[in-house]
Amino acid sequence: MKKISPFIFALLLSAAVGCKKDTPTQEGDPANGALVKFLHTAPGTPAIDGYINTTKITPQASVSVTDNALVTSITTGITYNYLGSVTSYLGQFPGNNYAVVPAGNTTIKVVASTPAPALISQQTSTPGAIIGSVTQNTTSGTAYSVFTMGLPGSTTTPLSVKVVEDKFPAAASGKAYIRFAHMIPNGAPVDVTGTYTPTGGAATTSPLVTGTAYGTVTDFVAVPVNAVSTSSYTFQMYLAGTQTKLGAVSGTVTVAPGRYYTIIGRGLAANYVVPGINVTLRSTARPSLPVTDPTTKLPEIYFNPPGIVFYTNK
């Protein structure tokens, strides 16, 4: 199956914005409106469209998918893991920075996207269905992250929309700023550590957050970095109070002094059967072999191993 890279896909998302009022901008730049970023962090949920005050601001993009073993390309909204890699791809809009939208009493709505052509396999949300809607009092020049989260059909962790104001502490020399978003809807509370090696020094591992429950988006905290260059950090989730890892490490995240990053734990901690339909969302990667295994023919949307992704706020 031919797949576009996460980097190119992010560029396509950013380039697709044609309306001036929705132009991505750097938080902190002069802006006649609120600054909004949409994040798709709901495992097993189809692509989404984001609306501001009844106007859809997220673009459509062409992505390659496997739909019951039929290799095809569809035009759809912000995807979660159609690209097949939960630990390296984050569905977001804009791809960089934020979109500028009207400030005030702002209605933010997320809808299941309508793919073209229609998919053949069983989906967990009906195209056009409202996943969640929040009315938020927004302020011009202030940044907000909009998380689509939860499990389809769940009564305990249902699909929903969470809006978080992005509050950035004043930058200090030799520090980057990290926060953690726990978006594994059937996962227990976690501790998160970060490991980095300063120039000329030894690798150091420090706690980032402890005992963080699902749905929590923490405040930004300062972490040490090389003062005049970038630093490589590796983040790892553990079941709270243990040394039991939850998911693969994120690999290397390059951070720089004076920058702000959101680390997201996402995927599934265990298999989840969607109520009412014949779909099991799996906490393992999509197999490719043996070809006789029926699961190799299932769509990528059914596979959501736990892991860490991140984005740069500013």
C-alpha atoms as a PDB file:
ATOM      1  CA  MET A   1       0.000   0.000   0.000  1.00  0.00           C
ATOM      2  CA  LYS A   2       1.454   3.325  -1.012  1.00  0.00           C
ATOM      3  CA  LYS A   3       1.381   5.855   1.816  1.00  0.00           C
ATOM      4  CA  ILE A   4       2.172   9.535   1.890  1.00  0.00           C
ATOM      5  CA  SER A   5       4.667  10.541   4.555  1.00  0.00           C
ATOM      6  CA  PRO A   6       3.457  12.345   7.695  1.00  0.00           C
ATOM      7  CA  PHE A   7       5.605  15.362   6.752  1.00  0.00           C
ATOM      8  CA  ILE A   8       4.103  15.720   3.279  1.00  0.00           C
ATOM      9  CA  PHE A   9       0.586  15.152   4.638  1.00  0.00           C
ATOM     10  CA  ALA A  10       1.098  17.942   7.187  1.00  0.00           C
ATOM     11  CA  LEU A  11       2.233  20.247   4.380  1.00  0.00           C
ATOM     12  CA  LEU A  12      -0.878  19.379   2.366  1.00  0.00           C
ATOM     13  CA  LEU A  13      -3.090  20.231   5.330  1.00  0.00           C
ATOM     14  CA  SER A  14      -1.406  23.584   5.847  1.00  0.00           C
ATOM     15  CA  ALA A  15      -1.402  24.457   2.144  1.00  0.00           C
ATOM     16  CA  ALA A  16      -5.092  23.675   1.778  1.00  0.00           C
ATOM     17  CA  VAL A  17      -6.148  26.648   3.880  1.00  0.00           C
ATOM     18  CA  GLY A  18      -7.316  29.359   1.496  1.00  0.00           C
ATOM     19  CA  CYS A  19      -9.326  31.741   3.653  1.00  0.00           C
ATOM     20  CA  LYS A  20      -7.393  34.650   5.117  1.00  0.00           C
ATOM     21  CA  LYS A  21      -9.124  34.541   8.498  1.00  0.00           C
ATOM     22  CA  ASP A  22      -8.040  30.908   8.913  1.00  0.00           C
ATOM     23  CA  THR A  23      -4.399  31.425   7.960  1.00  0.00           C
ATOM     24  CA  PRO A  24      -2.058  29.533  10.312  1.00  0.00           C
ATOM     25  CA  THR A  25      -0.077  31.878  12.500  1.00  0.00           C
ATOM     26  CA  GLN A  26       2.528  31.683  15.240  1.00  0.00           C
ATOM     27  CA  GLU A  27       1.005  32.045  18.724  1.00  0.00           C
ATOM     28  CA  GLY A  28       2.023  35.419  20.069  1.00  0.00           C
ATOM     29  CA  ASP A  29       1.962  37.112  16.645  1.00  0.00           C
ATOM     30  CA  PRO A  30      -0.533  39.960  16.231  1.00  0.00           C
ATOM     31  CA  ALA A  31      -3.859  38.353  15.378  1.00  0.00           C
ATOM     32  CA  ASN A  32      -7.357  39.742  15.014  1.00  0.00           C
ATOM     33  CA  GLY A  33      -8.939  36.588  16.382  1.00  0.00           C
ATOM     34  CA  ALA A  34      -8.474  33.534  18.539  1.00  0.00           C
ATOM     35  CA  LEU A  35      -5.835  30.930  17.660  1.00  0.00           C
ATOM     36  CA  VAL A  36      -7.104  27.353  17.288  1.00  0.00           C
ATOM     37  CA  LYS A  37      -5.526  23.976  16.544  1.00  0.00           C
ATOM     38  CA  PHE A  38      -7.543  20.752  15.986  1.00  0.00           C
ATOM     39  CA  LEU A  39      -6.060  17.415  17.164  1.00  0.00           C
ATOM     40  CA  HIS A  40      -7.524  13.979  16.289  1.00  0.00           C
ATOM     41  CA  THR A  41      -6.738  11.721  19.256  1.00  0.00           C
ATOM     42  CA  ALA A  42      -9.771   9.367  19.286  1.00  0.00           C
ATOM     43  CA  PRO A  43      -8.592   5.824  18.388  1.00  0.00           C
ATOM     44  CA  GLY A  44     -10.754   3.892  15.952  1.00  0.00           C
ATOM     45  CA  THR A  45     -12.668   6.982  14.897  1.00  0.00           C
ATOM     46  CA  PRO A  46     -12.830   7.964  11.215  1.00  0.00           C
ATOM     47  CA  ALA A  47     -11.429  11.203   9.847  1.00  0.00           C
ATOM     48  CA  ILE A  48     -12.914  14.406  11.230  1.00  0.00           C
ATOM     49  CA  ASP A  49     -13.876  17.884  10.066  1.00  0.00           C
ATOM     50  CA  GLY A  50     -13.538  20.906  12.344  1.00  0.00           C
ATOM     51  CA  TYR A  51     -16.090  23.750  12.384  1.00  0.00           C
ATOM     52  CA  ILE A  52     -15.951  27.220  13.878  1.00  0.00           C
ATOM     53  CA  ASN A  53     -19.346  28.928  14.200  1.00  0.00           C
ATOM     54  CA  THR A  54     -20.901  26.661  11.508  1.00  0.00           C
ATOM     55  CA  THR A  55     -18.007  27.219   9.061  1.00  0.00           C
ATOM     56  CA  LYS A  56     -15.761  24.253   8.273  1.00  0.00           C
ATOM     57  CA  ILE A  57     -12.163  25.429   8.513  1.00  0.00           C
ATOM     58  CA  THR A  58     -10.300  22.132   8.170  1.00  0.00           C
ATOM     59  CA  PRO A  59      -9.292  21.098   4.644  1.00  0.00           C
ATOM     60  CA  GLN A  60      -9.869  17.906   2.720  1.00  0.00           C
ATOM     61  CA  ALA A  61      -6.848  15.876   1.631  1.00  0.00           C
ATOM     62  CA  SER A  62      -6.212  12.750  -0.436  1.00  0.00           C
ATOM     63  CA  VAL A  63      -4.834   9.800   1.534  1.00  0.00           C
ATOM     64  CA  SER A  64      -4.123   6.190   0.627  1.00  0.00           C
ATOM     65  CA  VAL A  65      -5.980   3.597   2.693  1.00  0.00           C
ATOM     66  CA  THR A  66      -6.613  -0.129   2.787  1.00  0.00           C
ATOM     67  CA  ASP A  67     -10.326  -0.833   2.938  1.00  0.00           C
ATOM     68  CA  ASN A  68     -11.013  -4.581   3.244  1.00  0.00           C
ATOM     69  CA  ALA A  69      -7.882  -5.327   1.186  1.00  0.00           C
ATOM     70  CA  LEU A  70      -8.847  -2.853  -1.528  1.00  0.00           C
ATOM     71  CA  VAL A  71      -6.039  -0.373  -2.016  1.00  0.00           C
ATOM     72  CA  THR A  72      -7.626   2.946  -2.731  1.00  0.00           C
ATOM     73  CA  SER A  73      -7.236   6.667  -2.276  1.00  0.00           C
ATOM     74  CA  ILE A  74      -9.925   8.732  -0.598  1.00  0.00           C
ATOM     75  CA  THR A  75     -10.505  12.416  -0.039  1.00  0.00           C
ATOM     76  CA  THR A  76     -11.325  13.046   3.598  1.00  0.00           C
ATOM     77  CA  GLY A  77     -10.640  15.208   6.654  1.00  0.00           C
ATOM     78  CA  ILE A  78      -8.123  14.966   9.504  1.00  0.00           C
ATOM     79  CA  THR A  79      -7.174  11.307   9.865  1.00  0.00           C
ATOM     80  CA  TYR A  80      -5.997   9.443  12.960  1.00  0.00           C
ATOM     81  CA  ASN A  81      -3.940   6.563  11.604  1.00  0.00           C
ATOM     82  CA  TYR A  82      -4.955   5.800   8.038  1.00  0.00           C
ATOM     83  CA  LEU A  83      -1.250   6.160   7.354  1.00  0.00           C
ATOM     84  CA  GLY A  84      -0.714   3.079   9.496  1.00  0.00           C
ATOM     85  CA  SER A  85       1.644   4.421  12.152  1.00  0.00           C
ATOM     86  CA  VAL A  86       0.149   5.443  15.476  1.00  0.00           C
ATOM     87  CA  THR A  87       3.531   6.334  16.954  1.00  0.00           C
ATOM     88  CA  SER A  88       4.795   8.649  14.229  1.00  0.00           C
ATOM     89  CA  TYR A  89       1.747  10.400  12.818  1.00  0.00           C
ATOM     90  CA  LEU A  90      -0.486  12.974  14.473  1.00  0.00           C
ATOM     91  CA  GLY A  91      -3.667  14.144  12.778  1.00  0.00           C
ATOM     92  CA  GLN A  92      -3.760  17.894  13.297  1.00  0.00           C
ATOM     93  CA  PHE A  93      -4.808  21.133  11.652  1.00  0.00           C
ATOM     94  CA  PRO A  94      -3.027  23.359  10.951  1.00  0.00           C
ATOM     95  CA  GLY A  95       0.067  21.261  10.390  1.00  0.00           C
ATOM     96  CA  ASN A  96       2.088  24.035  12.038  1.00  0.00           C
ATOM     97  CA  ASN A  97       1.094  26.762  14.480  1.00  0.00           C
ATOM     98  CA  TYR A  98      -2.585  27.804  14.711  1.00  0.00           C
ATOM     99  CA  ALA A  99      -5.541  28.956  12.629  1.00  0.00           C
ATOM    100  CA  VAL A 100      -6.972  32.420  13.289  1.00  0.00           C
ATOM    101  CA  VAL A 101     -10.740  32.371  13.892  1.00  0.00           C
ATOM    102  CA  PRO A 102     -13.296  34.916  15.162  1.00  0.00           C
ATOM    103  CA  ALA A 103     -12.956  35.513  18.902  1.00  0.00           C
ATOM    104  CA  GLY A 104     -15.822  35.751  21.376  1.00  0.00           C
ATOM    105  CA  ASN A 105     -18.558  33.233  22.079  1.00  0.00           C
ATOM    106  CA  THR A 106     -17.079  30.606  19.743  1.00  0.00           C
ATOM    107  CA  THR A 107     -18.848  27.355  18.852  1.00  0.00           C
ATOM    108  CA  ILE A 108     -16.306  24.635  18.069  1.00  0.00           C
ATOM    109  CA  LYS A 109     -17.755  21.501  16.479  1.00  0.00           C
ATOM    110  CA  VAL A 110     -16.200  18.260  15.259  1.00  0.00           C
ATOM    111  CA  VAL A 111     -18.009  16.077  12.712  1.00  0.00           C
ATOM    112  CA  ALA A 112     -17.152  12.692  11.225  1.00  0.00           C
ATOM    113  CA  SER A 113     -15.826  13.441   7.734  1.00  0.00           C
ATOM    114  CA  THR A 114     -17.551  12.107   4.618  1.00  0.00           C
ATOM    115  CA  PRO A 115     -14.943  10.268   2.517  1.00  0.00           C
ATOM    116  CA  ALA A 116     -15.055  10.204  -1.254  1.00  0.00           C
ATOM    117  CA  PRO A 117     -15.403   7.559  -2.505  1.00  0.00           C
ATOM    118  CA  ALA A 118     -17.338   5.957   0.344  1.00  0.00           C
ATOM    119  CA  LEU A 119     -15.507   3.280   2.321  1.00  0.00           C
ATOM    120  CA  ILE A 120     -16.644  -0.327   2.091  1.00  0.00           C
ATOM    121  CA  SER A 121     -15.621  -1.554   5.536  1.00  0.00           C
ATOM    122  CA  GLN A 122     -17.676  -1.040   8.674  1.00  0.00           C
ATOM    123  CA  GLN A 123     -16.881   2.332  10.223  1.00  0.00           C
ATOM    124  CA  THR A 124     -17.357   3.306  13.859  1.00  0.00           C
ATOM    125  CA  SER A 125     -19.032   6.659  13.146  1.00  0.00           C
ATOM    126  CA  THR A 126     -21.540   7.563  10.456  1.00  0.00           C
ATOM    127  CA  PRO A 127     -20.245  10.180   7.974  1.00  0.00           C
ATOM    128  CA  GLY A 128     -21.605  13.565   8.966  1.00  0.00           C
ATOM    129  CA  ALA A 129     -22.338  12.539  12.554  1.00  0.00           C
ATOM    130  CA  ILE A 130     -21.569  15.180  15.183  1.00  0.00           C
ATOM    131  CA  ILE A 131     -18.801  13.856  17.431  1.00  0.00           C
ATOM    132  CA  GLY A 132     -18.855  16.783  19.803  1.00  0.00           C
ATOM    133  CA  SER A 133     -19.564  20.487  20.128  1.00  0.00           C
ATOM    134  CA  VAL A 134     -18.286  23.013  22.658  1.00  0.00           C
ATOM    135  CA  THR A 135     -19.094  26.698  23.047  1.00  0.00           C
ATOM    136  CA  GLN A 136     -15.971  28.447  24.275  1.00  0.00           C
ATOM    137  CA  ASN A 137     -15.468  32.069  25.248  1.00  0.00           C
ATOM    138  CA  THR A 138     -12.293  32.837  23.292  1.00  0.00           C
ATOM    139  CA  THR A 139     -10.018  35.853  23.386  1.00  0.00           C
ATOM    140  CA  SER A 140      -8.207  37.462  20.469  1.00  0.00           C
ATOM    141  CA  GLY A 141      -4.538  36.475  20.424  1.00  0.00           C
ATOM    142  CA  THR A 142      -5.045  33.556  22.847  1.00  0.00           C
ATOM    143  CA  ALA A 143      -4.304  29.993  21.688  1.00  0.00           C
ATOM    144  CA  TYR A 144      -6.558  26.939  22.129  1.00  0.00           C
ATOM    145  CA  SER A 145      -6.039  23.246  21.381  1.00  0.00           C
ATOM    146  CA  VAL A 146      -9.139  21.231  20.423  1.00  0.00           C
ATOM    147  CA  PHE A 147      -8.824  17.503  21.169  1.00  0.00           C
ATOM    148  CA  THR A 148     -11.204  14.955  19.660  1.00  0.00           C
ATOM    149  CA  MET A 149     -11.039  12.097  22.164  1.00  0.00           C
ATOM    150  CA  GLY A 150     -12.788   9.023  23.542  1.00  0.00           C
ATOM    151  CA  LEU A 151     -14.118   5.697  22.280  1.00  0.00           C
ATOM    152  CA  PRO A 152     -16.976   5.189  19.800  1.00  0.00           C
ATOM    153  CA  GLY A 153     -20.056   3.792  21.515  1.00  0.00           C
ATOM    154  CA  SER A 154     -18.552   3.989  25.012  1.00  0.00           C
ATOM    155  CA  THR A 155     -20.668   5.163  27.949  1.00  0.00           C
ATOM    156  CA  THR A 156     -17.691   5.640  30.290  1.00  0.00           C
ATOM    157  CA  THR A 157     -15.301   7.426  27.902  1.00  0.00           C
ATOM    158  CA  PRO A 158     -17.547   8.545  25.033  1.00  0.00           C
ATOM    159  CA  LEU A 159     -16.434  10.460  21.975  1.00  0.00           C
ATOM    160  CA  SER A 160     -16.137  14.112  22.932  1.00  0.00           C
ATOM    161  CA  VAL A 161     -14.371  17.389  22.247  1.00  0.00           C
ATOM    162  CA  LYS A 162     -12.056  18.970  24.821  1.00  0.00           C
ATOM    163  CA  VAL A 163     -10.914  22.572  24.412  1.00  0.00           C
ATOM    164  CA  VAL A 164      -7.788  23.606  26.324  1.00  0.00           C
ATOM    165  CA  GLU A 165      -6.416  27.121  26.574  1.00  0.00           C
ATOM    166  CA  ASP A 166      -2.708  26.973  25.854  1.00  0.00           C
ATOM    167  CA  LYS A 167      -1.066  28.922  28.674  1.00  0.00           C
ATOM    168  CA  PHE A 168       2.616  29.519  28.018  1.00  0.00           C
ATOM    169  CA  PRO A 169       4.899  30.370  30.954  1.00  0.00           C
ATOM    170  CA  ALA A 170       7.579  32.998  30.395  1.00  0.00           C
ATOM    171  CA  ALA A 171      10.634  31.465  28.749  1.00  0.00           C
ATOM    172  CA  ALA A 172      13.829  31.084  30.771  1.00  0.00           C
ATOM    173  CA  SER A 173      17.343  30.559  29.465  1.00  0.00           C
ATOM    174  CA  GLY A 174      18.289  26.936  28.883  1.00  0.00           C
ATOM    175  CA  LYS A 175      14.726  25.633  29.204  1.00  0.00           C
ATOM    176  CA  ALA A 176      12.140  24.131  26.884  1.00  0.00           C
ATOM    177  CA  TYR A 177       8.530  23.624  27.984  1.00  0.00           C
ATOM    178  CA  ILE A 178       6.630  20.347  27.851  1.00  0.00           C
ATOM    179  CA  ARG A 179       3.098  19.316  28.724  1.00  0.00           C
ATOM    180  CA  PHE A 180       1.431  15.906  28.526  1.00  0.00           C
ATOM    181  CA  ALA A 181      -2.016  14.960  27.193  1.00  0.00           C
ATOM    182  CA  HIS A 182      -3.304  11.521  28.260  1.00  0.00           C
ATOM    183  CA  MET A 183      -5.554  10.427  25.381  1.00  0.00           C
ATOM    184  CA  ILE A 184      -5.642   6.629  25.849  1.00  0.00           C
ATOM    185  CA  PRO A 185      -9.357   6.201  26.663  1.00  0.00           C
ATOM    186  CA  ASN A 186      -9.086   2.722  28.202  1.00  0.00           C
ATOM    187  CA  GLY A 187      -5.729   3.359  29.854  1.00  0.00           C
ATOM    188  CA  ALA A 188      -4.956   3.676  33.569  1.00  0.00           C
ATOM    189  CA  PRO A 189      -3.168   6.727  35.044  1.00  0.00           C
ATOM    190  CA  VAL A 190       0.434   7.046  33.889  1.00  0.00           C
ATOM    191  CA  ASP A 191       3.779   8.478  34.862  1.00  0.00           C
ATOM    192  CA  VAL A 192       5.873   9.978  32.077  1.00  0.00           C
ATOM    193  CA  THR A 193       9.640  10.406  32.076  1.00  0.00           C
ATOM    194  CA  GLY A 194      11.940  12.302  29.771  1.00  0.00           C
ATOM    195  CA  THR A 195      15.545  11.339  29.034  1.00  0.00           C
ATOM    196  CA  TYR A 196      18.142  13.585  27.423  1.00  0.00           C
ATOM    197  CA  THR A 197      21.914  13.811  27.163  1.00  0.00           C
ATOM    198  CA  PRO A 198      23.376  17.303  27.554  1.00  0.00           C
ATOM    199  CA  THR A 199      26.377  18.225  25.469  1.00  0.00           C
ATOM    200  CA  GLY A 200      29.436  16.733  27.165  1.00  0.00           C
ATOM    201  CA  GLY A 201      27.333  15.112  29.891  1.00  0.00           C
ATOM    202  CA  ALA A 202      25.645  11.832  30.781  1.00  0.00           C
ATOM    203  CA  ALA A 203      22.105  10.747  29.965  1.00  0.00           C
ATOM    204  CA  THR A 204      19.641  12.005  32.566  1.00  0.00           C
ATOM    205  CA  THR A 205      16.101  10.726  33.139  1.00  0.00           C
ATOM    206  CA  SER A 206      13.609  12.899  35.002  1.00  0.00           C
ATOM    207  CA  PRO A 207       9.866  12.632  35.729  1.00  0.00           C
ATOM    208  CA  LEU A 208       7.663  14.806  33.553  1.00  0.00           C
ATOM    209  CA  VAL A 209       4.291  14.009  35.155  1.00  0.00           C
ATOM    210  CA  THR A 210       3.062  11.446  37.700  1.00  0.00           C
ATOM    211  CA  GLY A 211      -0.312   9.770  38.202  1.00  0.00           C
ATOM    212  CA  THR A 212      -1.908  11.503  35.229  1.00  0.00           C
ATOM    213  CA  ALA A 213      -5.403  10.199  34.400  1.00  0.00           C
ATOM    214  CA  TYR A 214      -7.070   9.808  31.001  1.00  0.00           C
ATOM    215  CA  GLY A 215      -8.365  13.079  29.561  1.00  0.00           C
ATOM    216  CA  THR A 216      -5.888  15.255  31.457  1.00  0.00           C
ATOM    217  CA  VAL A 217      -3.864  17.907  29.661  1.00  0.00           C
ATOM    218  CA  THR A 218      -1.211  19.123  32.087  1.00  0.00           C
ATOM    219  CA  ASP A 219       0.317  22.576  32.372  1.00  0.00           C
ATOM    220  CA  PHE A 220       3.620  23.261  30.660  1.00  0.00           C
ATOM    221  CA  VAL A 221       6.676  22.504  32.788  1.00  0.00           C
ATOM    222  CA  ALA A 222      10.254  23.585  32.188  1.00  0.00           C
ATOM    223  CA  VAL A 223      12.797  20.927  31.220  1.00  0.00           C
ATOM    224  CA  PRO A 224      16.567  21.448  30.882  1.00  0.00           C
ATOM    225  CA  VAL A 225      18.031  21.650  27.387  1.00  0.00           C
ATOM    226  CA  ASN A 226      21.273  22.727  25.796  1.00  0.00           C
ATOM    227  CA  ALA A 227      21.196  26.512  26.000  1.00  0.00           C
ATOM    228  CA  VAL A 228      22.559  27.256  22.516  1.00  0.00           C
ATOM    229  CA  SER A 229      21.491  24.210  20.505  1.00  0.00           C
ATOM    230  CA  THR A 230      18.762  21.597  20.216  1.00  0.00           C
ATOM    231  CA  SER A 231      18.477  18.574  22.517  1.00  0.00           C
ATOM    232  CA  SER A 232      17.153  15.076  21.875  1.00  0.00           C
ATOM    233  CA  TYR A 233      14.532  13.860  24.351  1.00  0.00           C
ATOM    234  CA  THR A 234      12.975  10.414  24.668  1.00  0.00           C
ATOM    235  CA  PHE A 235       9.657  10.205  26.507  1.00  0.00           C
ATOM    236  CA  GLN A 236       8.190   7.042  28.007  1.00  0.00           C
ATOM    237  CA  MET A 237       4.850   6.237  29.642  1.00  0.00           C
ATOM    238  CA  TYR A 238       4.641   3.891  32.638  1.00  0.00           C
ATOM    239  CA  LEU A 239       1.624   2.626  34.529  1.00  0.00           C
ATOM    240  CA  ALA A 240       1.482   4.980  37.503  1.00  0.00           C
ATOM    241  CA  GLY A 241       3.728   3.972  40.382  1.00  0.00           C
ATOM    242  CA  THR A 242       5.377   1.115  38.456  1.00  0.00           C
ATOM    243  CA  GLN A 243       8.164   0.432  35.995  1.00  0.00           C
ATOM    244  CA  THR A 244       5.705  -1.233  33.579  1.00  0.00           C
ATOM    245  CA  LYS A 245       5.926   0.517  30.223  1.00  0.00           C
ATOM    246  CA  LEU A 246       2.759   1.491  28.375  1.00  0.00           C
ATOM    247  CA  GLY A 247       3.496   1.492  24.669  1.00  0.00           C
ATOM    248  CA  ALA A 248       6.677   2.001  22.738  1.00  0.00           C
ATOM    249  CA  VAL A 249       8.871   5.007  23.416  1.00  0.00           C
ATOM    250  CA  SER A 250       8.371   7.976  21.145  1.00  0.00           C
ATOM    251  CA  GLY A 251      11.888   7.794  19.787  1.00  0.00           C
ATOM    252  CA  THR A 252      13.812  11.020  19.537  1.00  0.00           C
ATOM    253  CA  VAL A 253      12.028  14.339  19.922  1.00  0.00           C
ATOM    254  CA  THR A 254      14.224  17.308  19.126  1.00  0.00           C
ATOM    255  CA  VAL A 255      13.496  20.228  21.432  1.00  0.00           C
ATOM    256  CA  ALA A 256      14.966  23.703  21.502  1.00  0.00           C
ATOM    257  CA  PRO A 257      15.294  26.330  24.231  1.00  0.00           C
ATOM    258  CA  GLY A 258      12.375  28.722  24.468  1.00  0.00           C
ATOM    259  CA  ARG A 259       9.992  26.401  22.589  1.00  0.00           C
ATOM    260  CA  TYR A 260       6.784  24.714  23.803  1.00  0.00           C
ATOM    261  CA  TYR A 261       5.747  21.121  23.043  1.00  0.00           C
ATOM    262  CA  THR A 262       2.711  18.930  23.731  1.00  0.00           C
ATOM    263  CA  ILE A 263       3.458  15.226  24.239  1.00  0.00           C
ATOM    264  CA  ILE A 264       0.397  13.025  23.615  1.00  0.00           C
ATOM    265  CA  GLY A 265      -0.122   9.489  24.851  1.00  0.00           C
ATOM    266  CA  ARG A 266      -2.644   7.866  22.542  1.00  0.00           C
ATOM    267  CA  GLY A 267      -3.879   4.546  21.168  1.00  0.00           C
ATOM    268  CA  LEU A 268      -5.460   1.714  23.169  1.00  0.00           C
ATOM    269  CA  ALA A 269      -4.224  -0.053  26.296  1.00  0.00           C
ATOM    270  CA  ALA A 270      -6.347  -3.130  25.465  1.00  0.00           C
ATOM    271  CA  ASN A 271      -8.677  -4.337  22.714  1.00  0.00           C
ATOM    272  CA  TYR A 272     -12.070  -2.633  22.623  1.00  0.00           C
ATOM    273  CA  VAL A 273     -15.268  -4.049  21.128  1.00  0.00           C
ATOM    274  CA  VAL A 274     -17.430  -1.271  19.677  1.00  0.00           C
ATOM    275  CA  PRO A 275     -20.980  -1.753  20.980  1.00  0.00           C
ATOM    276  CA  GLY A 276     -23.642  -2.560  18.410  1.00  0.00           C
ATOM    277  CA  ILE A 277     -21.368  -3.262  15.455  1.00  0.00           C
ATOM    278  CA  ASN A 278     -19.079  -6.096  14.466  1.00  0.00           C
ATOM    279  CA  VAL A 279     -15.819  -4.211  15.016  1.00  0.00           C
ATOM    280  CA  THR A 280     -13.008  -4.839  17.495  1.00  0.00           C
ATOM    281  CA  LEU A 281     -10.492  -2.041  17.869  1.00  0.00           C
ATOM    282  CA  ARG A 282      -7.114  -3.580  18.617  1.00  0.00           C
ATOM    283  CA  SER A 283      -4.252  -2.404  20.785  1.00  0.00           C
ATOM    284  CA  THR A 284      -1.721  -3.969  18.416  1.00  0.00           C
ATOM    285  CA  ALA A 285      -0.252  -2.918  15.091  1.00  0.00           C
ATOM    286  CA  ARG A 286      -1.889  -4.017  11.868  1.00  0.00           C
ATOM    287  CA  PRO A 287      -0.240  -7.270  10.696  1.00  0.00           C
ATOM    288  CA  SER A 288       0.931  -7.706   7.128  1.00  0.00           C
ATOM    289  CA  LEU A 289       1.799 -11.414   7.261  1.00  0.00           C
ATOM    290  CA  PRO A 290       0.759 -14.122   6.868  1.00  0.00           C
ATOM    291  CA  VAL A 291      -1.587 -13.079   4.085  1.00  0.00           C
ATOM    292  CA  THR A 292      -3.913 -15.914   5.115  1.00  0.00           C
ATOM    293  CA  ASP A 293      -4.593 -14.117   8.399  1.00  0.00           C
ATOM    294  CA  PRO A 294      -7.970 -12.341   8.034  1.00  0.00           C
ATOM    295  CA  THR A 295      -6.759  -9.415  10.148  1.00  0.00           C
ATOM    296  CA  THR A 296      -4.292  -8.416   7.417  1.00  0.00           C
ATOM    297  CA  LYS A 297      -7.339  -7.406   5.370  1.00  0.00           C
ATOM    298  CA  LEU A 298      -8.886  -5.202   8.034  1.00  0.00           C
ATOM    299  CA  PRO A 299      -8.615  -1.399   7.659  1.00  0.00           C
ATOM    300  CA  GLU A 300      -5.927   0.503   9.548  1.00  0.00           C
ATOM    301  CA  ILE A 301      -8.551   2.309  11.610  1.00  0.00           C
ATOM    302  CA  TYR A 302      -9.076  -0.894  13.626  1.00  0.00           C
ATOM    303  CA  PHE A 303      -5.463  -0.930  14.919  1.00  0.00           C
ATOM    304  CA  ASN A 304      -4.335   1.519  17.603  1.00  0.00           C
ATOM    305  CA  PRO A 305      -1.268   0.434  19.617  1.00  0.00           C
ATOM    306  CA  PRO A 306      -0.392   2.735  22.539  1.00  0.00           C
ATOM    307  CA  GLY A 307       2.415   5.184  21.930  1.00  0.00           C
ATOM    308  CA  ILE A 308       3.539   8.793  22.069  1.00  0.00           C
ATOM    309  CA  VAL A 309       3.295  11.524  19.455  1.00  0.00           C
ATOM    310  CA  PHE A 310       3.943  15.233  19.847  1.00  0.00           C
ATOM    311  CA  TYR A 311       3.479  18.624  18.274  1.00  0.00           C
ATOM    312  CA  THR A 312       5.183  21.989  18.695  1.00  0.00           C
ATOM    313  CA  ASN A 313       2.875  24.661  20.059  1.00  0.00           C
ATOM    314  CA  LYS A 314       5.265  27.476  19.322  1.00  0.00           C
END
